[in-house]
Protein backbone atom coordinates (compact mmCIF):
# COMPACT_ATOMS: atom_id res chain seq x y z
CA UNK A 1 89.49 94.69 94.97
CA UNK A 2 89.45 91.21 96.46
CA UNK A 3 87.46 88.82 94.28
CA UNK A 4 87.98 85.54 96.15
CA UNK A 5 88.77 84.79 99.80
CA UNK A 6 89.88 81.42 101.15
CA UNK A 7 90.45 80.64 104.81
CA UNK A 8 93.02 77.91 105.51
CA UNK A 9 95.46 76.86 108.17
CA UNK A 10 98.66 78.86 108.54
CA UNK A 11 100.91 75.97 107.49
CA UNK A 12 99.39 75.54 103.98
CA UNK A 13 101.56 77.04 101.20
CA UNK A 14 99.99 79.53 98.79
CA UNK A 15 100.86 77.55 95.68
CA UNK A 16 98.64 74.64 96.71
CA UNK A 17 95.53 76.82 96.69
CA UNK A 18 95.87 78.31 93.21
CA UNK A 19 93.43 75.89 91.57
CA UNK A 20 90.77 76.49 94.23
CA UNK A 21 91.16 80.27 93.92
CA UNK A 22 90.82 80.23 90.14
CA UNK A 23 87.79 77.93 90.30
CA UNK A 24 86.04 80.17 92.86
CA UNK A 25 86.21 83.32 90.73
CA UNK A 26 82.73 84.76 90.13
CA UNK A 27 81.43 85.63 86.68
CA UNK A 28 82.28 89.27 85.90
CA UNK A 29 79.98 91.41 83.78
CA UNK A 30 81.74 92.94 80.81
CA UNK A 31 80.65 96.13 78.98
CA UNK A 32 79.68 94.09 75.93
CA UNK A 33 79.15 90.40 75.39
CA UNK A 34 78.63 87.66 77.91
CA UNK A 35 80.12 87.46 81.39
CA UNK A 36 83.76 86.45 81.74
CA UNK A 37 84.39 83.49 83.97
CA UNK A 38 88.17 83.63 84.07
CA UNK A 39 90.80 86.35 83.89
CA UNK A 40 92.98 86.69 80.82
CA UNK A 41 96.24 86.85 82.75
CA UNK A 42 97.41 85.88 86.25
CA UNK A 43 100.47 87.36 87.95
CA UNK A 44 102.11 85.37 90.72
CA UNK A 45 105.27 85.34 92.74
CA UNK A 46 107.72 82.47 93.14
CA UNK A 47 105.48 80.63 95.62
CA UNK A 48 103.22 79.65 92.69
CA UNK A 49 106.06 78.31 90.53
CA UNK A 50 105.29 74.65 89.84
CA UNK A 51 104.45 72.52 86.82
CA UNK A 52 101.07 71.69 88.33
CA UNK A 53 100.07 75.34 88.70
CA UNK A 54 101.20 76.18 85.18
CA UNK A 55 99.22 73.19 83.85
CA UNK A 56 96.10 74.27 85.76
CA UNK A 57 96.32 77.76 84.24
CA UNK A 58 96.93 76.40 80.73
CA UNK A 59 93.91 74.08 80.98
CA UNK A 60 91.69 77.03 81.86
CA UNK A 61 93.04 79.28 79.10
CA UNK A 62 94.75 81.74 81.46
CA UNK A 63 98.13 83.21 80.62
CA UNK A 64 100.32 82.70 83.67
CA UNK A 65 102.98 85.27 84.48
CA UNK A 66 104.70 83.48 87.34
CA UNK A 67 108.27 84.18 88.39
CA UNK A 68 110.57 81.18 88.10
CA UNK A 69 112.74 80.14 91.02
CA UNK A 70 116.43 80.73 90.50
CA UNK A 71 115.91 82.35 87.08
CA UNK A 72 113.95 85.58 87.38
CA UNK A 73 114.42 88.43 89.77
CA UNK A 74 111.52 89.13 92.11
CA UNK A 75 112.00 92.85 91.41
CA UNK A 76 110.37 92.64 87.96
CA UNK A 77 107.09 91.31 89.32
CA UNK A 78 106.82 94.29 91.63
CA UNK A 79 105.40 96.42 88.83
CA UNK A 80 102.08 94.59 89.07
CA UNK A 81 102.32 92.67 92.36
CA UNK A 82 102.18 95.81 94.50
CA UNK A 83 98.41 96.00 93.94
CA UNK A 84 97.91 92.66 95.68
CA UNK A 85 100.27 93.62 98.50
CA UNK A 86 98.48 96.96 98.93
CA UNK A 87 95.11 95.20 99.21
CA UNK A 88 96.48 92.83 101.85
CA UNK A 89 97.84 95.81 103.78
CA UNK A 90 94.41 97.48 103.62
CA UNK A 91 92.79 94.32 104.97
CA UNK A 92 95.30 94.16 107.81
CA UNK A 93 94.28 97.71 108.69
CA UNK A 94 91.24 96.11 110.32
CA UNK A 95 92.13 95.30 113.91
CA UNK A 96 90.16 92.05 113.96
CA UNK A 97 92.17 90.66 111.06
CA UNK A 98 95.62 91.70 112.21
CA UNK A 99 95.50 89.39 115.21
CA UNK A 100 93.00 86.59 115.29
CA UNK A 101 90.81 86.95 118.37
CA UNK A 102 88.07 84.59 117.21
CA UNK A 103 88.30 80.88 117.86
CA UNK A 104 85.53 80.04 115.45
CA UNK A 105 86.51 79.84 111.79
CA UNK A 106 83.04 80.90 110.71
CA UNK A 107 83.18 84.13 112.72
CA UNK A 108 86.67 85.01 111.52
CA UNK A 109 85.62 84.31 107.92
CA UNK A 110 82.61 86.59 108.42
CA UNK A 111 84.92 89.41 109.59
CA UNK A 112 87.16 88.84 106.54
CA UNK A 113 84.15 89.07 104.22
CA UNK A 114 82.95 92.20 106.01
CA UNK A 115 86.38 93.82 105.61
CA UNK A 116 86.44 92.88 101.91
CA UNK A 117 82.97 94.38 101.47
CA UNK A 118 84.05 97.64 103.13
CA UNK A 119 87.22 97.74 101.05
CA UNK A 120 85.22 97.23 97.84
CA UNK A 121 82.77 99.94 98.89
CA UNK A 122 85.56 102.44 99.54
CA UNK A 123 87.24 101.68 96.20
CA UNK A 124 83.99 102.01 94.24
CA UNK A 125 82.94 105.16 96.11
CA UNK A 126 85.96 107.17 94.94
CA UNK A 127 85.36 109.26 91.83
CA UNK A 128 87.36 108.19 88.75
CA UNK A 129 89.13 111.55 88.34
């Protein structure tokens, strides 16, 4: 389920936005205790490999599992990363998001939020068995 959505220009790399994404996470209600503000672990591909991103995660108490460039194979991250790729594919199933028809950023962002809401509804509607 998508928790945070950011709309940026196409020429901005993903690694630059990691701090903004982590800071925008909403508080999540846990079965017991107070609400969690941050995840315990973050998985990322090689686009997020930088000292700055690792420092940002360490400062917030998040364990970063980020593939290192030139050291680790990208195949090992596929065990967990496929969930993010699947969600992106589900979002691109919406025709309005596949190709951007809207000139206004606000309208396009509204369609993205609507698609995320529908996706969350479909995921929560399925029975757990």
